[in-house]
Amino acid sequence: MSSALPRLEMLDGWRGISILCVLAAHLLPMGPKSLHGNAMFGLLGMSLFFTLSGFLITSFLLKNPSVIDFLLRRFFRIIPLAWLYLAIALTMAGATPDGWLAHYLFYANLPPQKLVLLTEHIWSLCLEMQFYVGIALMFAIFGVRSLLFLPLIGFAFTMLRVADGVLASSVSYYRIDEILAGCALALIYHQRFHASILEWLRKAPQWLLLLLLLVSCHEFGGPMNYFRPYLAAMLIGATVVNPDHRLARLLDNRILVYLATVSYALYVIHPMLAYGTWLGSGDTIVKYLKRPLLFIVLFLLAHVSTFYYERWWNAGGRMLAKKFSMNAKTDTNTA
């Protein structure tokens, strides 16, 4: 199999579904409260997102073993919008200096948590940034072969969840196994492990995996929650290596591709509109009557952010990464 990444449409399809799940969980009533539908969709969306993140990051490092290149691209992708949002949200919340520091250095999700109402969702960015720094340090010190230990590290964190009885959490060491499961999937896809695993994924029952993943995202699933990282990785992996399956074909959708493109902005911005503006105010009936307008404003802001504000920063990150790579090659040739 080629070492190239899978079709972007396939991964974008999953990313589009993940942001839809998260927005539905945060902004819409997903059935009676007694059924905990909102919590299930929230866990499903984030599990898919983290798996994709781990898969893409590991794939990038396998193909381009430049830690500086990796960090520049990731930091310029995440930080500009996150810091802008945090400046507004923390000012509105009247956050303390230590709260500002915890948010801006992305450790606000670690105990004692410094998250406030408008930044509760930032826990996931904290986890992502902590992972970026951690994997970059490991890669820089031990090299590309160190990536082979990521599945074992992920399993160790799952065992920590089992030992402490944590089904789901926003604390990094209780959630990072979802990213590391995506890392394991990348290693399998790029044939760093025995090819039989890849063959099994190709034949895996995708609809059954989806059903099991849904169960593992629900409170009623109990111990199945511990398998959530691996079920998400298996499901995404199965659709990647068997794109002709009916479920996989559903992911090749222009709407999902667009949602994936603006997903980061949608995720970062949406709590501000829901909890910090008139669009999210009022009693239950009034609040949900405003939801269509909220979604219109949210998508407009996300579109502008993605294609104007974020695009400029992303281009700058790629340019700096390219310049660094060229300088590094020049220094090597000179030496």
C-alpha atoms as a PDB file:
ATOM      1  CA  MET A   1       0.000   0.000   0.000  1.00  0.00           C
ATOM      2  CA  SER A   2       1.169   3.524  -0.718  1.00  0.00           C
ATOM      3  CA  SER A   3       2.462   5.604   2.137  1.00  0.00           C
ATOM      4  CA  ALA A   4       0.304   8.501   1.017  1.00  0.00           C
ATOM      5  CA  LEU A   5      -2.587   9.567   3.186  1.00  0.00           C
ATOM      6  CA  PRO A   6      -6.070   8.244   2.442  1.00  0.00           C
ATOM      7  CA  ARG A   7      -8.462  10.285   0.343  1.00  0.00           C
ATOM      8  CA  LEU A   8      -9.037  13.579   2.063  1.00  0.00           C
ATOM      9  CA  GLU A   9     -12.750  13.248   1.343  1.00  0.00           C
ATOM     10  CA  MET A  10     -12.905  10.163   3.536  1.00  0.00           C
ATOM     11  CA  LEU A  11     -11.253  11.788   6.529  1.00  0.00           C
ATOM     12  CA  ASP A  12     -13.097  15.054   5.950  1.00  0.00           C
ATOM     13  CA  GLY A  13     -16.327  13.099   5.995  1.00  0.00           C
ATOM     14  CA  TRP A  14     -15.572  11.834   9.486  1.00  0.00           C
ATOM     15  CA  ARG A  15     -14.445  15.294  10.589  1.00  0.00           C
ATOM     16  CA  GLY A  16     -17.696  16.764   9.280  1.00  0.00           C
ATOM     17  CA  ILE A  17     -19.689  14.177  11.215  1.00  0.00           C
ATOM     18  CA  SER A  18     -17.656  14.844  14.356  1.00  0.00           C
ATOM     19  CA  ILE A  19     -18.418  18.581  14.361  1.00  0.00           C
ATOM     20  CA  LEU A  20     -22.092  17.912  13.634  1.00  0.00           C
ATOM     21  CA  CYS A  21     -22.225  15.619  16.661  1.00  0.00           C
ATOM     22  CA  VAL A  22     -20.552  18.183  18.906  1.00  0.00           C
ATOM     23  CA  LEU A  23     -22.774  21.062  17.765  1.00  0.00           C
ATOM     24  CA  ALA A  24     -25.870  18.909  18.204  1.00  0.00           C
ATOM     25  CA  ALA A  25     -24.749  17.900  21.688  1.00  0.00           C
ATOM     26  CA  HIS A  26     -24.121  21.503  22.753  1.00  0.00           C
ATOM     27  CA  LEU A  27     -26.883  23.381  20.956  1.00  0.00           C
ATOM     28  CA  LEU A  28     -29.840  21.050  20.388  1.00  0.00           C
ATOM     29  CA  PRO A  29     -32.018  18.762  22.534  1.00  0.00           C
ATOM     30  CA  MET A  30     -31.067  15.236  21.484  1.00  0.00           C
ATOM     31  CA  GLY A  31     -34.067  13.465  22.921  1.00  0.00           C
ATOM     32  CA  PRO A  32     -35.357  13.299  26.506  1.00  0.00           C
ATOM     33  CA  LYS A  33     -32.767  14.163  29.135  1.00  0.00           C
ATOM     34  CA  SER A  34     -33.272  10.773  30.770  1.00  0.00           C
ATOM     35  CA  LEU A  35     -31.756   9.099  27.699  1.00  0.00           C
ATOM     36  CA  HIS A  36     -28.535  11.189  27.904  1.00  0.00           C
ATOM     37  CA  GLY A  37     -28.489  11.664  24.136  1.00  0.00           C
ATOM     38  CA  ASN A  38     -26.571  14.924  24.278  1.00  0.00           C
ATOM     39  CA  ALA A  39     -23.748  13.399  26.281  1.00  0.00           C
ATOM     40  CA  MET A  40     -23.564  10.455  23.878  1.00  0.00           C
ATOM     41  CA  PHE A  41     -23.293  12.642  20.795  1.00  0.00           C
ATOM     42  CA  GLY A  42     -20.690  14.823  22.488  1.00  0.00           C
ATOM     43  CA  LEU A  43     -18.519  11.818  23.287  1.00  0.00           C
ATOM     44  CA  LEU A  44     -19.012  10.406  19.796  1.00  0.00           C
ATOM     45  CA  GLY A  45     -17.995  13.645  18.109  1.00  0.00           C
ATOM     46  CA  MET A  46     -14.887  14.167  20.192  1.00  0.00           C
ATOM     47  CA  SER A  47     -13.827  10.524  19.940  1.00  0.00           C
ATOM     48  CA  LEU A  48     -13.936  10.711  16.145  1.00  0.00           C
ATOM     49  CA  PHE A  49     -12.080  14.026  16.179  1.00  0.00           C
ATOM     50  CA  PHE A  50      -9.292  12.813  18.468  1.00  0.00           C
ATOM     51  CA  THR A  51      -8.851   9.617  16.440  1.00  0.00           C
ATOM     52  CA  LEU A  52      -8.494  11.643  13.251  1.00  0.00           C
ATOM     53  CA  SER A  53      -6.026  13.954  14.963  1.00  0.00           C
ATOM     54  CA  GLY A  54      -3.803  11.112  16.144  1.00  0.00           C
ATOM     55  CA  PHE A  55      -3.956   9.426  12.749  1.00  0.00           C
ATOM     56  CA  LEU A  56      -3.006  12.546  10.791  1.00  0.00           C
ATOM     57  CA  ILE A  57      -0.262  13.688  13.177  1.00  0.00           C
ATOM     58  CA  THR A  58       1.438  10.294  13.212  1.00  0.00           C
ATOM     59  CA  SER A  59       1.120  10.008   9.435  1.00  0.00           C
ATOM     60  CA  PHE A  60       2.714  13.437   9.063  1.00  0.00           C
ATOM     61  CA  LEU A  61       5.666  12.553  11.274  1.00  0.00           C
ATOM     62  CA  LEU A  62       6.206   9.242   9.482  1.00  0.00           C
ATOM     63  CA  LYS A  63       6.467  11.084   6.167  1.00  0.00           C
ATOM     64  CA  ASN A  64       8.145  14.287   7.334  1.00  0.00           C
ATOM     65  CA  PRO A  65      10.441  13.737  10.352  1.00  0.00           C
ATOM     66  CA  SER A  66      10.899  17.442  11.106  1.00  0.00           C
ATOM     67  CA  VAL A  67       9.745  18.393  14.587  1.00  0.00           C
ATOM     68  CA  ILE A  68      10.050  22.141  13.949  1.00  0.00           C
ATOM     69  CA  ASP A  69       8.021  21.846  10.748  1.00  0.00           C
ATOM     70  CA  PHE A  70       5.368  19.890  12.634  1.00  0.00           C
ATOM     71  CA  LEU A  71       5.150  22.316  15.570  1.00  0.00           C
ATOM     72  CA  LEU A  72       5.085  25.433  13.404  1.00  0.00           C
ATOM     73  CA  ARG A  73       2.221  24.093  11.321  1.00  0.00           C
ATOM     74  CA  ARG A  74       0.246  22.940  14.355  1.00  0.00           C
ATOM     75  CA  PHE A  75       0.789  26.075  16.437  1.00  0.00           C
ATOM     76  CA  PHE A  76      -0.116  28.398  13.560  1.00  0.00           C
ATOM     77  CA  ARG A  77      -3.228  26.268  12.976  1.00  0.00           C
ATOM     78  CA  ILE A  78      -4.489  26.273  16.556  1.00  0.00           C
ATOM     79  CA  ILE A  79      -3.210  29.313  18.427  1.00  0.00           C
ATOM     80  CA  PRO A  80      -4.353  32.391  16.442  1.00  0.00           C
ATOM     81  CA  LEU A  81      -8.091  31.712  16.652  1.00  0.00           C
ATOM     82  CA  ALA A  82      -7.878  30.140  20.107  1.00  0.00           C
ATOM     83  CA  TRP A  83      -6.030  33.111  21.613  1.00  0.00           C
ATOM     84  CA  LEU A  84      -8.379  35.601  19.952  1.00  0.00           C
ATOM     85  CA  TYR A  85     -11.418  33.750  21.296  1.00  0.00           C
ATOM     86  CA  LEU A  86      -9.839  33.456  24.749  1.00  0.00           C
ATOM     87  CA  ALA A  87      -9.099  37.185  24.860  1.00  0.00           C
ATOM     88  CA  ILE A  88     -12.815  37.905  24.411  1.00  0.00           C
ATOM     89  CA  ALA A  89     -14.148  35.065  26.569  1.00  0.00           C
ATOM     90  CA  LEU A  90     -11.820  35.593  29.538  1.00  0.00           C
ATOM     91  CA  THR A  91     -12.436  39.345  29.504  1.00  0.00           C
ATOM     92  CA  MET A  92     -16.187  38.746  29.591  1.00  0.00           C
ATOM     93  CA  ALA A  93     -15.748  36.217  32.416  1.00  0.00           C
ATOM     94  CA  GLY A  94     -13.473  38.504  34.465  1.00  0.00           C
ATOM     95  CA  ALA A  95     -10.893  35.725  34.737  1.00  0.00           C
ATOM     96  CA  THR A  96      -8.040  35.939  37.218  1.00  0.00           C
ATOM     97  CA  PRO A  97      -4.392  36.290  36.051  1.00  0.00           C
ATOM     98  CA  ASP A  98      -3.671  32.639  36.785  1.00  0.00           C
ATOM     99  CA  GLY A  99      -6.750  31.736  34.763  1.00  0.00           C
ATOM    100  CA  TRP A 100      -5.454  33.722  31.791  1.00  0.00           C
ATOM    101  CA  LEU A 101      -2.077  32.002  32.069  1.00  0.00           C
ATOM    102  CA  ALA A 102      -3.615  28.530  32.306  1.00  0.00           C
ATOM    103  CA  HIS A 103      -5.726  29.138  29.208  1.00  0.00           C
ATOM    104  CA  TYR A 104      -3.040  30.771  27.097  1.00  0.00           C
ATOM    105  CA  LEU A 105      -0.513  28.043  27.901  1.00  0.00           C
ATOM    106  CA  PHE A 106      -3.177  25.360  27.409  1.00  0.00           C
ATOM    107  CA  TYR A 107      -3.192  23.635  30.781  1.00  0.00           C
ATOM    108  CA  ALA A 108      -6.536  24.964  32.030  1.00  0.00           C
ATOM    109  CA  ASN A 109      -8.053  21.462  31.840  1.00  0.00           C
ATOM    110  CA  LEU A 110      -5.608  19.996  34.354  1.00  0.00           C
ATOM    111  CA  PRO A 111      -6.582  19.912  38.045  1.00  0.00           C
ATOM    112  CA  PRO A 112      -7.385  22.326  39.519  1.00  0.00           C
ATOM    113  CA  GLN A 113      -9.191  23.295  36.336  1.00  0.00           C
ATOM    114  CA  LYS A 114      -9.353  26.992  35.439  1.00  0.00           C
ATOM    115  CA  LEU A 115     -12.036  26.653  32.767  1.00  0.00           C
ATOM    116  CA  VAL A 116     -15.024  29.032  32.856  1.00  0.00           C
ATOM    117  CA  LEU A 117     -18.436  28.815  31.179  1.00  0.00           C
ATOM    118  CA  LEU A 118     -17.310  30.276  27.847  1.00  0.00           C
ATOM    119  CA  THR A 119     -14.133  28.179  27.789  1.00  0.00           C
ATOM    120  CA  GLU A 120     -15.341  24.785  29.012  1.00  0.00           C
ATOM    121  CA  HIS A 121     -14.828  23.370  25.510  1.00  0.00           C
ATOM    122  CA  ILE A 122     -11.208  24.570  25.428  1.00  0.00           C
ATOM    123  CA  TRP A 123     -10.232  21.434  27.361  1.00  0.00           C
ATOM    124  CA  SER A 124      -9.921  19.642  24.027  1.00  0.00           C
ATOM    125  CA  LEU A 125      -7.496  22.251  22.659  1.00  0.00           C
ATOM    126  CA  CYS A 126      -5.479  21.932  25.864  1.00  0.00           C
ATOM    127  CA  LEU A 127      -5.279  18.182  25.320  1.00  0.00           C
ATOM    128  CA  GLU A 128      -4.291  18.632  21.687  1.00  0.00           C
ATOM    129  CA  MET A 129      -1.545  21.142  22.456  1.00  0.00           C
ATOM    130  CA  GLN A 130      -0.176  19.024  25.293  1.00  0.00           C
ATOM    131  CA  PHE A 131      -0.081  16.065  22.927  1.00  0.00           C
ATOM    132  CA  TYR A 132       1.697  18.076  20.215  1.00  0.00           C
ATOM    133  CA  VAL A 133       4.445  19.121  22.610  1.00  0.00           C
ATOM    134  CA  GLY A 134       4.726  15.647  24.120  1.00  0.00           C
ATOM    135  CA  ILE A 135       4.993  13.760  20.843  1.00  0.00           C
ATOM    136  CA  ALA A 136       7.399  16.374  19.444  1.00  0.00           C
ATOM    137  CA  LEU A 137       9.732  15.949  22.437  1.00  0.00           C
ATOM    138  CA  MET A 138       9.553  12.165  22.227  1.00  0.00           C
ATOM    139  CA  PHE A 139      10.180  12.245  18.480  1.00  0.00           C
ATOM    140  CA  ALA A 140      13.094  14.682  18.804  1.00  0.00           C
ATOM    141  CA  ILE A 141      14.801  12.653  21.527  1.00  0.00           C
ATOM    142  CA  PHE A 142      14.146   9.067  20.431  1.00  0.00           C
ATOM    143  CA  GLY A 143      13.442   9.361  16.710  1.00  0.00           C
ATOM    144  CA  VAL A 144      10.832   7.869  14.416  1.00  0.00           C
ATOM    145  CA  ARG A 145      10.970   4.419  16.014  1.00  0.00           C
ATOM    146  CA  SER A 146       9.586   5.878  19.233  1.00  0.00           C
ATOM    147  CA  LEU A 147       6.225   6.192  17.460  1.00  0.00           C
ATOM    148  CA  LEU A 148       5.907   2.412  17.700  1.00  0.00           C
ATOM    149  CA  PHE A 149       5.457   2.771  21.462  1.00  0.00           C
ATOM    150  CA  LEU A 150       2.414   5.047  21.136  1.00  0.00           C
ATOM    151  CA  PRO A 151      -0.113   2.155  21.130  1.00  0.00           C
ATOM    152  CA  LEU A 152       1.407   0.814  24.373  1.00  0.00           C
ATOM    153  CA  ILE A 153       1.285   4.266  25.940  1.00  0.00           C
ATOM    154  CA  GLY A 154      -2.338   4.592  24.880  1.00  0.00           C
ATOM    155  CA  PHE A 155      -3.205   1.222  26.403  1.00  0.00           C
ATOM    156  CA  ALA A 156      -1.490   2.277  29.638  1.00  0.00           C
ATOM    157  CA  PHE A 157      -3.686   5.379  29.846  1.00  0.00           C
ATOM    158  CA  THR A 158      -6.772   3.249  29.214  1.00  0.00           C
ATOM    159  CA  MET A 159      -5.736   1.003  32.086  1.00  0.00           C
ATOM    160  CA  LEU A 160      -5.429   4.136  34.247  1.00  0.00           C
ATOM    161  CA  ARG A 161      -9.038   4.977  33.360  1.00  0.00           C
ATOM    162  CA  VAL A 162     -10.094   1.448  34.263  1.00  0.00           C
ATOM    163  CA  ALA A 163      -8.211   1.569  37.571  1.00  0.00           C
ATOM    164  CA  ASP A 164      -9.802   4.913  38.506  1.00  0.00           C
ATOM    165  CA  GLY A 165     -13.229   4.018  37.123  1.00  0.00           C
ATOM    166  CA  VAL A 166     -13.330   6.994  34.716  1.00  0.00           C
ATOM    167  CA  LEU A 167     -15.650   6.453  31.753  1.00  0.00           C
ATOM    168  CA  ALA A 168     -15.125   9.941  30.288  1.00  0.00           C
ATOM    169  CA  SER A 169     -13.290  13.049  31.370  1.00  0.00           C
ATOM    170  CA  SER A 170     -11.882  16.369  30.145  1.00  0.00           C
ATOM    171  CA  VAL A 171      -8.637  15.795  32.055  1.00  0.00           C
ATOM    172  CA  SER A 172      -5.795  14.939  29.684  1.00  0.00           C
ATOM    173  CA  TYR A 173      -4.566  11.707  31.260  1.00  0.00           C
ATOM    174  CA  TYR A 174      -8.105  10.305  31.252  1.00  0.00           C
ATOM    175  CA  ARG A 175      -8.737  11.190  27.593  1.00  0.00           C
ATOM    176  CA  ILE A 176      -5.486  11.033  25.650  1.00  0.00           C
ATOM    177  CA  ASP A 177      -5.978   7.353  24.817  1.00  0.00           C
ATOM    178  CA  GLU A 178      -8.444   8.495  22.133  1.00  0.00           C
ATOM    179  CA  ILE A 179      -5.676  10.397  20.313  1.00  0.00           C
ATOM    180  CA  LEU A 180      -3.196   7.573  20.837  1.00  0.00           C
ATOM    181  CA  ALA A 181      -5.644   5.072  19.355  1.00  0.00           C
ATOM    182  CA  GLY A 182      -5.585   7.219  16.213  1.00  0.00           C
ATOM    183  CA  CYS A 183      -1.779   7.071  16.315  1.00  0.00           C
ATOM    184  CA  ALA A 184      -1.971   3.279  16.436  1.00  0.00           C
ATOM    185  CA  LEU A 185      -4.294   3.322  13.421  1.00  0.00           C
ATOM    186  CA  ALA A 186      -1.741   5.364  11.458  1.00  0.00           C
ATOM    187  CA  LEU A 187       1.008   2.876  12.281  1.00  0.00           C
ATOM    188  CA  ILE A 188      -1.214   0.033  11.112  1.00  0.00           C
ATOM    189  CA  TYR A 189      -2.195   1.858   7.929  1.00  0.00           C
ATOM    190  CA  HIS A 190       1.409   2.677   7.046  1.00  0.00           C
ATOM    191  CA  GLN A 191       2.351  -0.980   7.653  1.00  0.00           C
ATOM    192  CA  ARG A 192       4.530  -0.487  10.699  1.00  0.00           C
ATOM    193  CA  PHE A 193       2.800  -3.561  12.168  1.00  0.00           C
ATOM    194  CA  HIS A 194       1.883  -6.949  10.702  1.00  0.00           C
ATOM    195  CA  ALA A 195      -0.165  -6.705   7.504  1.00  0.00           C
ATOM    196  CA  SER A 196      -2.793  -9.116   8.884  1.00  0.00           C
ATOM    197  CA  ILE A 197      -4.209  -6.317  11.052  1.00  0.00           C
ATOM    198  CA  LEU A 198      -4.777  -4.215   7.957  1.00  0.00           C
ATOM    199  CA  GLU A 199      -6.474  -7.140   6.241  1.00  0.00           C
ATOM    200  CA  TRP A 200      -8.762  -7.611   9.220  1.00  0.00           C
ATOM    201  CA  LEU A 201      -9.755  -3.931   9.075  1.00  0.00           C
ATOM    202  CA  ARG A 202     -10.592  -4.314   5.400  1.00  0.00           C
ATOM    203  CA  LYS A 203     -13.062  -7.086   6.235  1.00  0.00           C
ATOM    204  CA  ALA A 204     -14.377  -5.570   9.480  1.00  0.00           C
ATOM    205  CA  PRO A 205     -18.174  -5.085   9.714  1.00  0.00           C
ATOM    206  CA  GLN A 206     -18.471  -1.302   9.576  1.00  0.00           C
ATOM    207  CA  TRP A 207     -22.102  -1.028  10.656  1.00  0.00           C
ATOM    208  CA  LEU A 208     -21.459  -3.274  13.665  1.00  0.00           C
ATOM    209  CA  LEU A 209     -18.439  -1.170  14.637  1.00  0.00           C
ATOM    210  CA  LEU A 210     -20.590   1.960  14.427  1.00  0.00           C
ATOM    211  CA  LEU A 211     -23.220   0.393  16.671  1.00  0.00           C
ATOM    212  CA  LEU A 212     -20.612  -0.683  19.223  1.00  0.00           C
ATOM    213  CA  LEU A 213     -19.047   2.784  19.142  1.00  0.00           C
ATOM    214  CA  LEU A 214     -22.433   4.363  19.889  1.00  0.00           C
ATOM    215  CA  VAL A 215     -22.867   2.029  22.860  1.00  0.00           C
ATOM    216  CA  SER A 216     -19.367   2.886  24.092  1.00  0.00           C
ATOM    217  CA  CYS A 217     -20.283   6.590  23.999  1.00  0.00           C
ATOM    218  CA  HIS A 218     -23.343   6.164  26.202  1.00  0.00           C
ATOM    219  CA  GLU A 219     -23.513   6.161  29.970  1.00  0.00           C
ATOM    220  CA  PHE A 220     -25.641   3.021  29.805  1.00  0.00           C
ATOM    221  CA  GLY A 221     -22.764   1.295  28.002  1.00  0.00           C
ATOM    222  CA  GLY A 222     -20.847   1.064  31.278  1.00  0.00           C
ATOM    223  CA  PRO A 223     -17.489  -0.709  30.806  1.00  0.00           C
ATOM    224  CA  MET A 224     -17.892  -0.459  27.024  1.00  0.00           C
ATOM    225  CA  ASN A 225     -16.759   3.162  27.463  1.00  0.00           C
ATOM    226  CA  TYR A 226     -13.226   1.896  28.013  1.00  0.00           C
ATOM    227  CA  PHE A 227     -13.229   0.485  24.471  1.00  0.00           C
ATOM    228  CA  ARG A 228     -14.376   3.765  22.896  1.00  0.00           C
ATOM    229  CA  PRO A 229     -10.906   4.896  21.645  1.00  0.00           C
ATOM    230  CA  TYR A 230     -10.276   1.581  19.909  1.00  0.00           C
ATOM    231  CA  LEU A 231     -13.750   1.234  18.422  1.00  0.00           C
ATOM    232  CA  ALA A 232     -13.468   4.737  16.929  1.00  0.00           C
ATOM    233  CA  ALA A 233     -10.052   3.876  15.488  1.00  0.00           C
ATOM    234  CA  MET A 234     -11.291   0.571  14.071  1.00  0.00           C
ATOM    235  CA  LEU A 235     -14.348   2.199  12.496  1.00  0.00           C
ATOM    236  CA  ILE A 236     -12.372   4.988  10.832  1.00  0.00           C
ATOM    237  CA  GLY A 237      -9.697   2.511   9.789  1.00  0.00           C
ATOM    238  CA  ALA A 238     -12.270   0.149   8.284  1.00  0.00           C
ATOM    239  CA  THR A 239     -13.746   2.911   6.124  1.00  0.00           C
ATOM    240  CA  VAL A 240     -10.292   4.099   5.042  1.00  0.00           C
ATOM    241  CA  VAL A 241      -9.081   0.683   3.834  1.00  0.00           C
ATOM    242  CA  ASN A 242     -12.462  -0.367   2.434  1.00  0.00           C
ATOM    243  CA  PRO A 243     -13.867   2.798   0.803  1.00  0.00           C
ATOM    244  CA  ASP A 244     -16.315   0.834  -1.343  1.00  0.00           C
ATOM    245  CA  HIS A 245     -18.453  -0.119   1.648  1.00  0.00           C
ATOM    246  CA  ARG A 246     -21.826   1.634   1.744  1.00  0.00           C
ATOM    247  CA  LEU A 247     -21.042   3.409   5.026  1.00  0.00           C
ATOM    248  CA  ALA A 248     -17.692   4.578   3.694  1.00  0.00           C
ATOM    249  CA  ARG A 249     -19.287   5.925   0.510  1.00  0.00           C
ATOM    250  CA  LEU A 250     -21.653   8.063   2.569  1.00  0.00           C
ATOM    251  CA  LEU A 251     -18.629   9.976   3.853  1.00  0.00           C
ATOM    252  CA  ASP A 252     -17.729  11.215   0.360  1.00  0.00           C
ATOM    253  CA  ASN A 253     -20.068  14.187   0.591  1.00  0.00           C
ATOM    254  CA  ARG A 254     -19.466  17.814  -0.341  1.00  0.00           C
ATOM    255  CA  ILE A 255     -21.450  19.098   2.619  1.00  0.00           C
ATOM    256  CA  LEU A 256     -19.339  17.058   5.023  1.00  0.00           C
ATOM    257  CA  VAL A 257     -16.170  18.294   3.313  1.00  0.00           C
ATOM    258  CA  TYR A 258     -17.244  21.909   3.819  1.00  0.00           C
ATOM    259  CA  LEU A 259     -18.177  21.214   7.443  1.00  0.00           C
ATOM    260  CA  ALA A 260     -14.744  19.679   7.948  1.00  0.00           C
ATOM    261  CA  THR A 261     -13.091  22.746   6.448  1.00  0.00           C
ATOM    262  CA  VAL A 262     -14.803  25.168   8.839  1.00  0.00           C
ATOM    263  CA  SER A 263     -15.010  22.715  11.761  1.00  0.00           C
ATOM    264  CA  TYR A 264     -12.269  24.273  13.881  1.00  0.00           C
ATOM    265  CA  ALA A 265     -13.862  27.716  13.764  1.00  0.00           C
ATOM    266  CA  LEU A 266     -17.317  26.233  14.411  1.00  0.00           C
ATOM    267  CA  TYR A 267     -15.987  24.448  17.466  1.00  0.00           C
ATOM    268  CA  VAL A 268     -14.098  27.384  18.948  1.00  0.00           C
ATOM    269  CA  ILE A 269     -16.759  30.042  18.358  1.00  0.00           C
ATOM    270  CA  HIS A 270     -20.076  28.347  19.106  1.00  0.00           C
ATOM    271  CA  PRO A 271     -20.145  28.656  22.951  1.00  0.00           C
ATOM    272  CA  MET A 272     -19.728  32.434  22.707  1.00  0.00           C
ATOM    273  CA  LEU A 273     -22.942  32.715  20.702  1.00  0.00           C
ATOM    274  CA  ALA A 274     -24.806  30.183  22.834  1.00  0.00           C
ATOM    275  CA  TYR A 275     -23.851  31.508  26.275  1.00  0.00           C
ATOM    276  CA  GLY A 276     -22.482  35.015  25.778  1.00  0.00           C
ATOM    277  CA  THR A 277     -24.891  36.764  23.403  1.00  0.00           C
ATOM    278  CA  TRP A 278     -28.568  37.541  22.906  1.00  0.00           C
ATOM    279  CA  LEU A 279     -28.770  34.617  20.479  1.00  0.00           C
ATOM    280  CA  GLY A 280     -28.495  32.177  23.369  1.00  0.00           C
ATOM    281  CA  SER A 281     -30.566  34.030  25.949  1.00  0.00           C
ATOM    282  CA  GLY A 282     -34.121  33.435  27.148  1.00  0.00           C
ATOM    283  CA  ASP A 283     -36.089  30.537  28.562  1.00  0.00           C
ATOM    284  CA  THR A 284     -36.065  27.140  26.892  1.00  0.00           C
ATOM    285  CA  ILE A 285     -38.697  27.928  24.252  1.00  0.00           C
ATOM    286  CA  VAL A 286     -37.294  31.343  23.349  1.00  0.00           C
ATOM    287  CA  LYS A 287     -33.758  30.002  23.288  1.00  0.00           C
ATOM    288  CA  TYR A 288     -34.544  27.233  20.820  1.00  0.00           C
ATOM    289  CA  LEU A 289     -36.670  29.529  18.655  1.00  0.00           C
ATOM    290  CA  LYS A 290     -33.483  31.558  18.179  1.00  0.00           C
ATOM    291  CA  ARG A 291     -31.397  28.538  17.255  1.00  0.00           C
ATOM    292  CA  PRO A 292     -31.819  28.865  13.450  1.00  0.00           C
ATOM    293  CA  LEU A 293     -30.521  32.441  13.620  1.00  0.00           C
ATOM    294  CA  LEU A 294     -27.694  31.344  15.908  1.00  0.00           C
ATOM    295  CA  PHE A 295     -26.633  28.687  13.395  1.00  0.00           C
ATOM    296  CA  ILE A 296     -26.707  31.209  10.536  1.00  0.00           C
ATOM    297  CA  VAL A 297     -24.495  33.644  12.455  1.00  0.00           C
ATOM    298  CA  LEU A 298     -22.215  30.818  13.610  1.00  0.00           C
ATOM    299  CA  PHE A 299     -21.620  29.537  10.086  1.00  0.00           C
ATOM    300  CA  LEU A 300     -21.045  33.039   8.732  1.00  0.00           C
ATOM    301  CA  LEU A 301     -18.434  33.747  11.415  1.00  0.00           C
ATOM    302  CA  ALA A 302     -16.814  30.340  10.914  1.00  0.00           C
ATOM    303  CA  HIS A 303     -16.626  30.873   7.159  1.00  0.00           C
ATOM    304  CA  VAL A 304     -15.003  34.296   7.547  1.00  0.00           C
ATOM    305  CA  SER A 305     -12.599  32.978  10.189  1.00  0.00           C
ATOM    306  CA  THR A 306     -11.582  29.939   8.132  1.00  0.00           C
ATOM    307  CA  PHE A 307     -11.129  31.556   4.741  1.00  0.00           C
ATOM    308  CA  TYR A 308      -9.759  34.927   5.799  1.00  0.00           C
ATOM    309  CA  TYR A 309      -8.347  35.090   9.319  1.00  0.00           C
ATOM    310  CA  GLU A 310      -7.113  31.503   9.791  1.00  0.00           C
ATOM    311  CA  ARG A 311      -5.989  31.047   6.182  1.00  0.00           C
ATOM    312  CA  TRP A 312      -3.525  33.923   6.558  1.00  0.00           C
ATOM    313  CA  TRP A 313      -1.995  32.386   9.700  1.00  0.00           C
ATOM    314  CA  ASN A 314      -1.903  28.898   8.194  1.00  0.00           C
ATOM    315  CA  ALA A 315      -0.070  30.207   5.150  1.00  0.00           C
ATOM    316  CA  GLY A 316       2.392  31.981   7.431  1.00  0.00           C
ATOM    317  CA  GLY A 317       3.028  28.779   9.357  1.00  0.00           C
ATOM    318  CA  ARG A 318       3.670  26.803   6.181  1.00  0.00           C
ATOM    319  CA  MET A 319       6.003  29.519   4.895  1.00  0.00           C
ATOM    320  CA  LEU A 320       8.015  29.571   8.126  1.00  0.00           C
ATOM    321  CA  ALA A 321       8.180  25.776   8.147  1.00  0.00           C
ATOM    322  CA  LYS A 322       9.401  25.756   4.548  1.00  0.00           C
ATOM    323  CA  LYS A 323      12.007  28.444   5.295  1.00  0.00           C
ATOM    324  CA  PHE A 324      13.252  26.496   8.304  1.00  0.00           C
ATOM    325  CA  SER A 325      13.528  23.310   6.243  1.00  0.00           C
ATOM    326  CA  MET A 326      15.491  25.122   3.537  1.00  0.00           C
ATOM    327  CA  ASN A 327      17.844  26.672   6.111  1.00  0.00           C
ATOM    328  CA  ALA A 328      18.352  23.294   7.766  1.00  0.00           C
ATOM    329  CA  LYS A 329      19.251  21.704   4.415  1.00  0.00           C
ATOM    330  CA  THR A 330      21.646  24.577   3.646  1.00  0.00           C
ATOM    331  CA  ASP A 331      23.360  24.177   7.010  1.00  0.00           C
ATOM    332  CA  THR A 332      23.672  20.427   6.462  1.00  0.00           C
ATOM    333  CA  ASN A 333      25.148  20.854   3.009  1.00  0.00           C
ATOM    334  CA  THR A 334      27.566  23.508   4.278  1.00  0.00           C
ATOM    335  CA  ALA A 335      28.719  21.278   7.112  1.00  0.00           C
END
